[in-house]
Every structure is written in C-alpha cells, then in structure tokens.
Amino acid sequence: MLIHPQIDPVAVSLGPLQVHWYGLTYLVAFLAAYMLAAYRARQVPFVNRGWSRQHVEDLLFFCMLGVVLGGRLGYVLFYKPSYYLAHPVEIFYVWQGGMAFHGGLLGVITAMAVFARQQGRHFFEVADLVAPCVPIGLAAGRMGNFINGELWGRAADPGLPWAMVFPESGSDVARHPSQLYQFGLEGMLLFVLLWLYARKPRQQGAVAGMFLFGYGLFRFIAEYFREPDSFLGLLALNMSMGQWLCVPMILLGALFWGMAKKDAFQA
C-alpha cells in the first residue's frame, strides 16, 4: 500500500504571511481560465460578436466572485445548514475550509447571467465561452485536495497497486485516492473532450449543455470511490449528497444539449 506523503499545506512562509497550496491551486485555476477564455474570445463565433480581452477580464471578475460566494454558501446550505444556523458567524470563517462545487457552479451561473444582462448578450453565448475553460480549474482544485490529504476515498482492496493510506483520516485503512480519480475524470478528461467538442462551431447552448452533462456524469461515477461526508453518510438509494446534486446536472445538461441542437437558444 502507498502512504499519503502528508505534504505541508503551507507552500511558502514569509514571516507571518503563509501561502497555502490550496490557495495556489485557486490562483492556477483562475489564470488558466483567463488564458483559455481569452483564446476562445479570439475564435469564431465569439470574435465576430465583438468579444475583447476586456470583456474576458470583466467576466472573470464576476465569475471569481461567483465561485467564492457561491461555493461557500453552497457548502453552508447543502451540507451543514443546521450547524451554520446555530453558528451564523462561522459562515464567514472561510479559512477553516468548506466549499462546495455545486454551490460554486450556481454562483458562476448567476455571475454569467449578470454579465450577460449587463452586456446585452444571450446567456448561453457567455456560457459556451466559459464552459470549456472550467475543467482545468477543477483539476487544479482536486490536486489541492490531494495535497491537503482531504476528501479521501472509500476503503479499497489493499492489493490495489495505488491503494493509499491517508493518515489524516485517523485510520490505517487502504483507500482509493479519489481526489486523483476526480482530477483525471472531471478535470483532465472532461477538459480534453469538451475542448475538442468546442473547436468546431456548435449551436448556441450545446457546449454549455455538454459541460453540465459531462461533469455531472464523471462526478457521479467518481463519488462511488469517494468517502461520503461523515456528517451525512449515504442518503436515499445509497447515493451520496454529491451524486444527488449531480442528477439534475446530468438531466439539465442533456435537455440543454437537445434544445440547442434544435436552435432553441438562438438570439
């Protein structure tokens, strides 16, 4: 069995200032999203619709706010509502951890809707630009989870060559390194598939629909290897909270993709 290396979560210490690896993964995520979105803005059909680098920078600012605020509120509402209802001040203790992807996604959707309205653009025009840029950021975040030794996987066969003991879990049980599964599935694989799909002109909304469907499917699969949150466990049908939150993503993604193929989202 492998042993998690227990990497120091602090990447750099400069006196009282500490830079955490997890914070650096967020920085990498936003920089990657900016560079990829700036590249897409120069391609057809976006360049023909007047997209500029300034538009991308403004959109990224809105999305950064959406990720942070939505991710935190999503964790509060989806995972620990009763706890934070009793301790409302701790909602602002973001340094203690607690971010939810699905909440961050809702935050980004809200940010894109505000930006689209402000710019007089169709929502799905904005969503199609952003969608292929997201998975690289997700991959960076999952690598941050692995470095921190958090969100470890379920028990695995000790004979599995890559089964790993996470001392942070408080046990010597061999587990699936589910952070790396998610890095590969909803990060790198989804990025490659979505980027290739988006290289050719598609009906408006098709790329965004494909992202929702692809992420929901890959995350649903990965959740079978990820240890459920101890304070929730498995819910109805032996599915985790993450899986239940992926179900509407898969359904909506398929619906949006099908509607896009019928040109339902044309301006």
C-alpha atoms as a PDB file:
ATOM      1  CA  MET A   1       0.000   0.000   0.000  1.00  0.00           C
ATOM      2  CA  LEU A   2       1.038   3.575  -0.612  1.00  0.00           C
ATOM      3  CA  ILE A   3       1.116   6.143   2.163  1.00  0.00           C
ATOM      4  CA  HIS A   4      -0.074   9.666   1.547  1.00  0.00           C
ATOM      5  CA  PRO A   5       3.049  11.859   1.752  1.00  0.00           C
ATOM      6  CA  GLN A   6       1.370  14.342   4.138  1.00  0.00           C
ATOM      7  CA  ILE A   7       2.624  17.401   2.272  1.00  0.00           C
ATOM      8  CA  ASP A   8       2.818  20.580   4.307  1.00  0.00           C
ATOM      9  CA  PRO A   9      -0.305  22.550   3.296  1.00  0.00           C
ATOM     10  CA  VAL A  10       1.747  25.749   3.530  1.00  0.00           C
ATOM     11  CA  ALA A  11       3.720  26.242   0.317  1.00  0.00           C
ATOM     12  CA  VAL A  12       5.606  29.388   1.330  1.00  0.00           C
ATOM     13  CA  SER A  13       6.045  31.179   4.659  1.00  0.00           C
ATOM     14  CA  LEU A  14       7.165  34.800   4.665  1.00  0.00           C
ATOM     15  CA  GLY A  15       7.176  35.812   8.294  1.00  0.00           C
ATOM     16  CA  PRO A  16       3.555  35.926   9.457  1.00  0.00           C
ATOM     17  CA  LEU A  17       2.349  35.502   5.859  1.00  0.00           C
ATOM     18  CA  GLN A  18       1.585  31.947   4.822  1.00  0.00           C
ATOM     19  CA  VAL A  19       0.726  30.940   1.280  1.00  0.00           C
ATOM     20  CA  HIS A  20      -1.186  27.659   1.167  1.00  0.00           C
ATOM     21  CA  TRP A  21      -1.035  25.174  -1.662  1.00  0.00           C
ATOM     22  CA  TYR A  22      -4.830  25.225  -1.863  1.00  0.00           C
ATOM     23  CA  GLY A  23      -4.768  28.970  -2.399  1.00  0.00           C
ATOM     24  CA  LEU A  24      -2.211  28.493  -5.167  1.00  0.00           C
ATOM     25  CA  THR A  25      -4.457  25.958  -6.884  1.00  0.00           C
ATOM     26  CA  TYR A  26      -7.219  28.602  -6.959  1.00  0.00           C
ATOM     27  CA  LEU A  27      -4.733  31.028  -8.495  1.00  0.00           C
ATOM     28  CA  VAL A  28      -3.757  28.458 -11.123  1.00  0.00           C
ATOM     29  CA  ALA A  29      -7.438  27.782 -11.821  1.00  0.00           C
ATOM     30  CA  PHE A  30      -8.261  31.441 -12.436  1.00  0.00           C
ATOM     31  CA  LEU A  31      -5.144  32.075 -14.537  1.00  0.00           C
ATOM     32  CA  ALA A  32      -5.844  29.012 -16.684  1.00  0.00           C
ATOM     33  CA  ALA A  33      -9.474  30.033 -17.111  1.00  0.00           C
ATOM     34  CA  TYR A  34      -8.418  33.534 -18.137  1.00  0.00           C
ATOM     35  CA  MET A  35      -5.902  32.362 -20.733  1.00  0.00           C
ATOM     36  CA  LEU A  36      -8.254  29.778 -22.214  1.00  0.00           C
ATOM     37  CA  ALA A  37     -11.198  32.199 -22.300  1.00  0.00           C
ATOM     38  CA  ALA A  38      -9.032  34.900 -23.905  1.00  0.00           C
ATOM     39  CA  TYR A  39      -8.031  32.387 -26.572  1.00  0.00           C
ATOM     40  CA  ARG A  40     -11.648  31.365 -27.207  1.00  0.00           C
ATOM     41  CA  ALA A  41     -12.717  35.008 -27.435  1.00  0.00           C
ATOM     42  CA  ARG A  42     -10.434  35.355 -30.467  1.00  0.00           C
ATOM     43  CA  GLN A  43     -12.093  32.438 -32.258  1.00  0.00           C
ATOM     44  CA  VAL A  44     -15.243  32.224 -34.370  1.00  0.00           C
ATOM     45  CA  PRO A  45     -18.037  32.877 -33.466  1.00  0.00           C
ATOM     46  CA  PHE A  46     -17.019  34.987 -30.463  1.00  0.00           C
ATOM     47  CA  VAL A  47     -14.684  37.353 -32.302  1.00  0.00           C
ATOM     48  CA  ASN A  48     -17.498  38.023 -34.772  1.00  0.00           C
ATOM     49  CA  ARG A  49     -19.716  39.024 -31.867  1.00  0.00           C
ATOM     50  CA  GLY A  50     -17.336  41.685 -30.608  1.00  0.00           C
ATOM     51  CA  TRP A  51     -15.651  39.858 -27.725  1.00  0.00           C
ATOM     52  CA  SER A  52     -12.450  41.501 -26.488  1.00  0.00           C
ATOM     53  CA  ARG A  53      -9.845  40.843 -23.799  1.00  0.00           C
ATOM     54  CA  GLN A  54     -11.545  43.471 -21.632  1.00  0.00           C
ATOM     55  CA  HIS A  55     -14.806  41.535 -21.828  1.00  0.00           C
ATOM     56  CA  VAL A  56     -12.997  38.386 -20.705  1.00  0.00           C
ATOM     57  CA  GLU A  57     -11.364  40.202 -17.782  1.00  0.00           C
ATOM     58  CA  ASP A  58     -14.691  41.651 -16.649  1.00  0.00           C
ATOM     59  CA  LEU A  59     -16.370  38.266 -16.961  1.00  0.00           C
ATOM     60  CA  LEU A  60     -13.593  36.566 -14.981  1.00  0.00           C
ATOM     61  CA  PHE A  61     -14.017  39.083 -12.159  1.00  0.00           C
ATOM     62  CA  PHE A  62     -17.729  38.300 -11.951  1.00  0.00           C
ATOM     63  CA  CYS A  63     -17.009  34.561 -12.043  1.00  0.00           C
ATOM     64  CA  MET A  64     -14.375  34.786  -9.291  1.00  0.00           C
ATOM     65  CA  LEU A  65     -16.949  36.365  -7.012  1.00  0.00           C
ATOM     66  CA  GLY A  66     -19.453  33.694  -8.018  1.00  0.00           C
ATOM     67  CA  VAL A  67     -17.049  30.839  -7.254  1.00  0.00           C
ATOM     68  CA  VAL A  68     -16.090  32.110  -3.804  1.00  0.00           C
ATOM     69  CA  LEU A  69     -19.503  33.319  -2.620  1.00  0.00           C
ATOM     70  CA  GLY A  70     -21.456  30.501  -4.262  1.00  0.00           C
ATOM     71  CA  GLY A  71     -19.007  27.813  -3.156  1.00  0.00           C
ATOM     72  CA  ARG A  72     -19.198  28.920   0.457  1.00  0.00           C
ATOM     73  CA  LEU A  73     -22.963  29.400   0.556  1.00  0.00           C
ATOM     74  CA  GLY A  74     -23.443  26.086  -1.239  1.00  0.00           C
ATOM     75  CA  TYR A  75     -21.465  24.281   1.451  1.00  0.00           C
ATOM     76  CA  VAL A  76     -23.462  26.030   4.161  1.00  0.00           C
ATOM     77  CA  LEU A  77     -26.867  25.263   2.608  1.00  0.00           C
ATOM     78  CA  PHE A  78     -26.252  21.822   1.061  1.00  0.00           C
ATOM     79  CA  TYR A  79     -24.047  20.179   3.677  1.00  0.00           C
ATOM     80  CA  LYS A  80     -24.336  21.832   7.119  1.00  0.00           C
ATOM     81  CA  PRO A  81     -27.426  24.053   7.229  1.00  0.00           C
ATOM     82  CA  SER A  82     -28.368  23.228  10.820  1.00  0.00           C
ATOM     83  CA  TYR A  83     -24.831  23.812  12.107  1.00  0.00           C
ATOM     84  CA  TYR A  84     -24.471  27.213  10.471  1.00  0.00           C
ATOM     85  CA  LEU A  85     -27.987  28.183  11.505  1.00  0.00           C
ATOM     86  CA  ALA A  86     -26.784  27.711  15.077  1.00  0.00           C
ATOM     87  CA  HIS A  87     -23.389  29.358  14.377  1.00  0.00           C
ATOM     88  CA  PRO A  88     -24.133  32.020  11.712  1.00  0.00           C
ATOM     89  CA  VAL A  89     -20.926  33.998  12.316  1.00  0.00           C
ATOM     90  CA  GLU A  90     -18.858  30.979  11.226  1.00  0.00           C
ATOM     91  CA  ILE A  91     -20.289  31.285   7.715  1.00  0.00           C
ATOM     92  CA  PHE A  92     -17.599  33.918   7.206  1.00  0.00           C
ATOM     93  CA  TYR A  93     -14.767  31.686   8.543  1.00  0.00           C
ATOM     94  CA  VAL A  94     -13.695  30.634   5.060  1.00  0.00           C
ATOM     95  CA  TRP A  95     -10.145  29.947   6.245  1.00  0.00           C
ATOM     96  CA  GLN A  96     -11.497  26.932   8.133  1.00  0.00           C
ATOM     97  CA  GLY A  97     -12.447  25.303   4.823  1.00  0.00           C
ATOM     98  CA  GLY A  98     -15.813  24.313   3.454  1.00  0.00           C
ATOM     99  CA  MET A  99     -16.518  24.975  -0.231  1.00  0.00           C
ATOM    100  CA  ALA A 100     -18.979  23.133  -2.466  1.00  0.00           C
ATOM    101  CA  PHE A 101     -18.533  22.800  -6.215  1.00  0.00           C
ATOM    102  CA  HIS A 102     -22.263  22.752  -6.901  1.00  0.00           C
ATOM    103  CA  GLY A 103     -22.668  25.985  -4.949  1.00  0.00           C
ATOM    104  CA  GLY A 104     -19.748  27.497  -6.839  1.00  0.00           C
ATOM    105  CA  LEU A 105     -21.395  26.447 -10.104  1.00  0.00           C
ATOM    106  CA  LEU A 106     -24.632  28.201  -9.132  1.00  0.00           C
ATOM    107  CA  GLY A 107     -22.556  31.248  -8.210  1.00  0.00           C
ATOM    108  CA  VAL A 108     -20.841  31.243 -11.611  1.00  0.00           C
ATOM    109  CA  ILE A 109     -24.175  30.791 -13.403  1.00  0.00           C
ATOM    110  CA  THR A 110     -25.502  33.815 -11.526  1.00  0.00           C
ATOM    111  CA  ALA A 111     -22.366  35.793 -12.375  1.00  0.00           C
ATOM    112  CA  MET A 112     -22.662  34.897 -16.067  1.00  0.00           C
ATOM    113  CA  ALA A 113     -26.341  35.889 -16.078  1.00  0.00           C
ATOM    114  CA  VAL A 114     -25.500  39.283 -14.546  1.00  0.00           C
ATOM    115  CA  PHE A 115     -22.675  39.812 -17.035  1.00  0.00           C
ATOM    116  CA  ALA A 116     -24.840  38.736 -19.993  1.00  0.00           C
ATOM    117  CA  ARG A 117     -27.608  41.130 -18.970  1.00  0.00           C
ATOM    118  CA  GLN A 118     -25.134  43.966 -18.461  1.00  0.00           C
ATOM    119  CA  GLN A 119     -23.567  43.371 -21.893  1.00  0.00           C
ATOM    120  CA  GLY A 120     -26.819  42.684 -23.735  1.00  0.00           C
ATOM    121  CA  ARG A 121     -25.708  39.169 -24.684  1.00  0.00           C
ATOM    122  CA  HIS A 122     -27.532  35.850 -24.682  1.00  0.00           C
ATOM    123  CA  PHE A 123     -26.779  33.858 -21.526  1.00  0.00           C
ATOM    124  CA  PHE A 124     -25.751  30.769 -23.497  1.00  0.00           C
ATOM    125  CA  GLU A 125     -23.330  32.792 -25.601  1.00  0.00           C
ATOM    126  CA  VAL A 126     -21.471  33.604 -22.386  1.00  0.00           C
ATOM    127  CA  ALA A 127     -21.846  30.062 -21.005  1.00  0.00           C
ATOM    128  CA  ASP A 128     -20.464  28.500 -24.199  1.00  0.00           C
ATOM    129  CA  LEU A 129     -17.382  30.700 -23.955  1.00  0.00           C
ATOM    130  CA  VAL A 130     -16.725  29.794 -20.321  1.00  0.00           C
ATOM    131  CA  ALA A 131     -17.652  26.085 -20.174  1.00  0.00           C
ATOM    132  CA  PRO A 132     -14.530  24.536 -21.835  1.00  0.00           C
ATOM    133  CA  CYS A 133     -12.283  26.657 -19.607  1.00  0.00           C
ATOM    134  CA  VAL A 134     -13.628  25.278 -16.323  1.00  0.00           C
ATOM    135  CA  PRO A 135     -12.315  21.676 -16.121  1.00  0.00           C
ATOM    136  CA  ILE A 136      -8.641  22.703 -15.871  1.00  0.00           C
ATOM    137  CA  GLY A 137      -9.551  24.737 -12.802  1.00  0.00           C
ATOM    138  CA  LEU A 138     -11.384  21.742 -11.365  1.00  0.00           C
ATOM    139  CA  ALA A 139      -8.284  19.611 -11.917  1.00  0.00           C
ATOM    140  CA  ALA A 140      -6.186  22.156 -10.024  1.00  0.00           C
ATOM    141  CA  GLY A 141      -8.651  22.129  -7.143  1.00  0.00           C
ATOM    142  CA  ARG A 142      -8.612  18.343  -6.885  1.00  0.00           C
ATOM    143  CA  MET A 143      -4.822  18.395  -6.787  1.00  0.00           C
ATOM    144  CA  GLY A 144      -5.139  20.837  -3.882  1.00  0.00           C
ATOM    145  CA  ASN A 145      -7.441  18.354  -2.123  1.00  0.00           C
ATOM    146  CA  PHE A 146      -4.843  15.619  -2.597  1.00  0.00           C
ATOM    147  CA  ILE A 147      -2.006  17.792  -1.284  1.00  0.00           C
ATOM    148  CA  ASN A 148      -4.107  18.617   1.796  1.00  0.00           C
ATOM    149  CA  GLY A 149      -4.931  14.927   2.316  1.00  0.00           C
ATOM    150  CA  GLU A 150      -8.665  15.706   2.404  1.00  0.00           C
ATOM    151  CA  LEU A 151     -11.758  14.274   0.705  1.00  0.00           C
ATOM    152  CA  TRP A 152     -10.114  10.855   0.620  1.00  0.00           C
ATOM    153  CA  GLY A 153     -11.718   7.793  -0.934  1.00  0.00           C
ATOM    154  CA  ARG A 154     -13.599   4.804   0.340  1.00  0.00           C
ATOM    155  CA  ALA A 155     -11.877   1.652   1.561  1.00  0.00           C
ATOM    156  CA  ALA A 156     -10.116  -0.229  -1.225  1.00  0.00           C
ATOM    157  CA  ASP A 157      -8.657  -3.674  -1.669  1.00  0.00           C
ATOM    158  CA  PRO A 158      -5.186  -3.438  -0.047  1.00  0.00           C
ATOM    159  CA  GLY A 159      -3.878  -5.336  -3.079  1.00  0.00           C
ATOM    160  CA  LEU A 160      -4.811  -2.483  -5.377  1.00  0.00           C
ATOM    161  CA  PRO A 161      -1.416  -1.124  -6.541  1.00  0.00           C
ATOM    162  CA  TRP A 162      -2.407   2.504  -5.953  1.00  0.00           C
ATOM    163  CA  ALA A 163      -4.456   1.971  -2.769  1.00  0.00           C
ATOM    164  CA  MET A 164      -3.333   4.635  -0.305  1.00  0.00           C
ATOM    165  CA  VAL A 165      -3.443   5.135   3.438  1.00  0.00           C
ATOM    166  CA  PHE A 166      -4.396   8.663   4.432  1.00  0.00           C
ATOM    167  CA  PRO A 167      -3.114   9.238   7.989  1.00  0.00           C
ATOM    168  CA  GLU A 168      -5.265  12.371   8.028  1.00  0.00           C
ATOM    169  CA  SER A 169      -8.314  10.080   8.117  1.00  0.00           C
ATOM    170  CA  GLY A 170      -7.267   8.798  11.545  1.00  0.00           C
ATOM    171  CA  SER A 171      -7.002   5.206  10.347  1.00  0.00           C
ATOM    172  CA  ASP A 172      -4.624   2.889   8.503  1.00  0.00           C
ATOM    173  CA  VAL A 173      -7.315   1.716   6.079  1.00  0.00           C
ATOM    174  CA  ALA A 174      -6.188   1.477   2.446  1.00  0.00           C
ATOM    175  CA  ARG A 175      -8.340   3.835   0.390  1.00  0.00           C
ATOM    176  CA  HIS A 176      -8.969   4.919  -3.165  1.00  0.00           C
ATOM    177  CA  PRO A 177      -7.109   8.188  -3.892  1.00  0.00           C
ATOM    178  CA  SER A 178     -10.420   9.572  -5.141  1.00  0.00           C
ATOM    179  CA  GLN A 179      -9.014  13.105  -5.433  1.00  0.00           C
ATOM    180  CA  LEU A 180      -6.797  11.820  -8.246  1.00  0.00           C
ATOM    181  CA  TYR A 181      -9.723   9.995  -9.855  1.00  0.00           C
ATOM    182  CA  GLN A 182     -11.615  13.296  -9.891  1.00  0.00           C
ATOM    183  CA  PHE A 183      -8.517  15.103 -11.162  1.00  0.00           C
ATOM    184  CA  GLY A 184      -8.442  12.703 -14.095  1.00  0.00           C
ATOM    185  CA  LEU A 185     -12.177  12.413 -14.820  1.00  0.00           C
ATOM    186  CA  GLU A 186     -13.882  15.750 -14.175  1.00  0.00           C
ATOM    187  CA  GLY A 187     -10.617  17.602 -14.698  1.00  0.00           C
ATOM    188  CA  MET A 188      -8.325  16.449 -17.464  1.00  0.00           C
ATOM    189  CA  LEU A 189     -10.592  14.029 -19.382  1.00  0.00           C
ATOM    190  CA  LEU A 190     -13.543  16.421 -19.356  1.00  0.00           C
ATOM    191  CA  PHE A 191     -11.274  19.257 -20.485  1.00  0.00           C
ATOM    192  CA  VAL A 192      -9.925  17.287 -23.458  1.00  0.00           C
ATOM    193  CA  LEU A 193     -13.366  16.066 -24.564  1.00  0.00           C
ATOM    194  CA  LEU A 194     -15.059  19.432 -24.141  1.00  0.00           C
ATOM    195  CA  TRP A 195     -12.225  21.406 -25.748  1.00  0.00           C
ATOM    196  CA  LEU A 196     -12.241  19.124 -28.792  1.00  0.00           C
ATOM    197  CA  TYR A 197     -16.032  19.330 -29.000  1.00  0.00           C
ATOM    198  CA  ALA A 198     -15.960  23.141 -28.786  1.00  0.00           C
ATOM    199  CA  ARG A 199     -13.312  23.538 -31.502  1.00  0.00           C
ATOM    200  CA  LYS A 200     -15.962  23.319 -34.202  1.00  0.00           C
ATOM    201  CA  PRO A 201     -18.861  25.784 -34.415  1.00  0.00           C
ATOM    202  CA  ARG A 202     -21.805  24.430 -32.426  1.00  0.00           C
ATOM    203  CA  GLN A 203     -25.363  25.564 -31.915  1.00  0.00           C
ATOM    204  CA  GLN A 204     -25.641  28.086 -29.098  1.00  0.00           C
ATOM    205  CA  GLY A 205     -26.002  26.297 -25.777  1.00  0.00           C
ATOM    206  CA  ALA A 206     -24.614  22.946 -26.980  1.00  0.00           C
ATOM    207  CA  VAL A 207     -21.179  23.373 -25.367  1.00  0.00           C
ATOM    208  CA  ALA A 208     -22.666  24.512 -22.043  1.00  0.00           C
ATOM    209  CA  GLY A 209     -25.095  21.587 -22.090  1.00  0.00           C
ATOM    210  CA  MET A 210     -22.270  19.170 -22.809  1.00  0.00           C
ATOM    211  CA  PHE A 211     -20.311  20.547 -19.846  1.00  0.00           C
ATOM    212  CA  LEU A 212     -23.220  20.073 -17.432  1.00  0.00           C
ATOM    213  CA  PHE A 213     -23.833  16.547 -18.669  1.00  0.00           C
ATOM    214  CA  GLY A 214     -20.145  15.563 -18.733  1.00  0.00           C
ATOM    215  CA  TYR A 215     -19.277  16.948 -15.321  1.00  0.00           C
ATOM    216  CA  GLY A 216     -22.398  15.503 -13.733  1.00  0.00           C
ATOM    217  CA  LEU A 217     -21.684  12.059 -15.185  1.00  0.00           C
ATOM    218  CA  PHE A 218     -17.983  11.959 -14.287  1.00  0.00           C
ATOM    219  CA  ARG A 219     -18.578  13.315 -10.773  1.00  0.00           C
ATOM    220  CA  PHE A 220     -21.404  10.802 -10.254  1.00  0.00           C
ATOM    221  CA  ILE A 221     -19.030   7.962 -11.166  1.00  0.00           C
ATOM    222  CA  ALA A 222     -16.179   9.295  -9.020  1.00  0.00           C
ATOM    223  CA  GLU A 223     -18.472   9.549  -5.991  1.00  0.00           C
ATOM    224  CA  TYR A 224     -18.650   5.739  -5.853  1.00  0.00           C
ATOM    225  CA  PHE A 225     -14.966   5.814  -4.847  1.00  0.00           C
ATOM    226  CA  ARG A 226     -15.079   8.882  -2.577  1.00  0.00           C
ATOM    227  CA  GLU A 227     -15.806   8.576   1.123  1.00  0.00           C
ATOM    228  CA  PRO A 228     -19.159  10.253   1.872  1.00  0.00           C
ATOM    229  CA  ASP A 229     -19.097  13.154   4.304  1.00  0.00           C
ATOM    230  CA  SER A 230     -19.106  11.696   7.808  1.00  0.00           C
ATOM    231  CA  PHE A 231     -21.880  14.014   8.977  1.00  0.00           C
ATOM    232  CA  LEU A 232     -24.145  12.965   6.092  1.00  0.00           C
ATOM    233  CA  GLY A 233     -23.201   9.446   5.073  1.00  0.00           C
ATOM    234  CA  LEU A 234     -25.099   7.846   2.223  1.00  0.00           C
ATOM    235  CA  LEU A 235     -28.584   9.131   1.507  1.00  0.00           C
ATOM    236  CA  ALA A 236     -31.541   7.614  -0.344  1.00  0.00           C
ATOM    237  CA  LEU A 237     -30.718   4.774  -2.776  1.00  0.00           C
ATOM    238  CA  ASN A 238     -27.252   4.580  -1.162  1.00  0.00           C
ATOM    239  CA  MET A 239     -26.210   7.690  -3.056  1.00  0.00           C
ATOM    240  CA  SER A 240     -24.065  10.469  -1.626  1.00  0.00           C
ATOM    241  CA  MET A 241     -25.051  14.119  -1.492  1.00  0.00           C
ATOM    242  CA  GLY A 242     -22.604  14.763  -4.339  1.00  0.00           C
ATOM    243  CA  GLN A 243     -24.377  12.186  -6.502  1.00  0.00           C
ATOM    244  CA  TRP A 244     -27.817  13.578  -5.773  1.00  0.00           C
ATOM    245  CA  LEU A 245     -26.599  17.052  -6.712  1.00  0.00           C
ATOM    246  CA  CYS A 246     -25.232  15.633  -9.978  1.00  0.00           C
ATOM    247  CA  VAL A 247     -28.556  14.126 -11.052  1.00  0.00           C
ATOM    248  CA  PRO A 248     -30.145  17.480 -12.028  1.00  0.00           C
ATOM    249  CA  MET A 249     -26.886  18.463 -13.748  1.00  0.00           C
ATOM    250  CA  ILE A 250     -26.996  15.363 -15.951  1.00  0.00           C
ATOM    251  CA  LEU A 251     -30.684  15.838 -16.782  1.00  0.00           C
ATOM    252  CA  LEU A 252     -30.395  19.571 -17.453  1.00  0.00           C
ATOM    253  CA  GLY A 253     -27.230  19.064 -19.497  1.00  0.00           C
ATOM    254  CA  ALA A 254     -28.966  16.537 -21.728  1.00  0.00           C
ATOM    255  CA  LEU A 255     -32.020  18.803 -22.005  1.00  0.00           C
ATOM    256  CA  PHE A 256     -29.976  21.898 -22.889  1.00  0.00           C
ATOM    257  CA  TRP A 257     -27.908  19.976 -25.436  1.00  0.00           C
ATOM    258  CA  GLY A 258     -31.040  18.602 -27.091  1.00  0.00           C
ATOM    259  CA  MET A 259     -32.688  22.031 -27.169  1.00  0.00           C
ATOM    260  CA  ALA A 260     -29.508  23.597 -28.561  1.00  0.00           C
ATOM    261  CA  LYS A 261     -29.465  21.080 -31.418  1.00  0.00           C
ATOM    262  CA  LYS A 262     -32.920  22.415 -32.321  1.00  0.00           C
ATOM    263  CA  ASP A 263     -31.608  26.022 -32.240  1.00  0.00           C
ATOM    264  CA  ALA A 264     -33.795  26.843 -29.234  1.00  0.00           C
ATOM    265  CA  PHE A 265     -31.224  29.248 -27.768  1.00  0.00           C
ATOM    266  CA  GLN A 266     -30.523  31.448 -30.753  1.00  0.00           C
ATOM    267  CA  ALA A 267     -30.686  35.174 -30.017  1.00  0.00           C
END
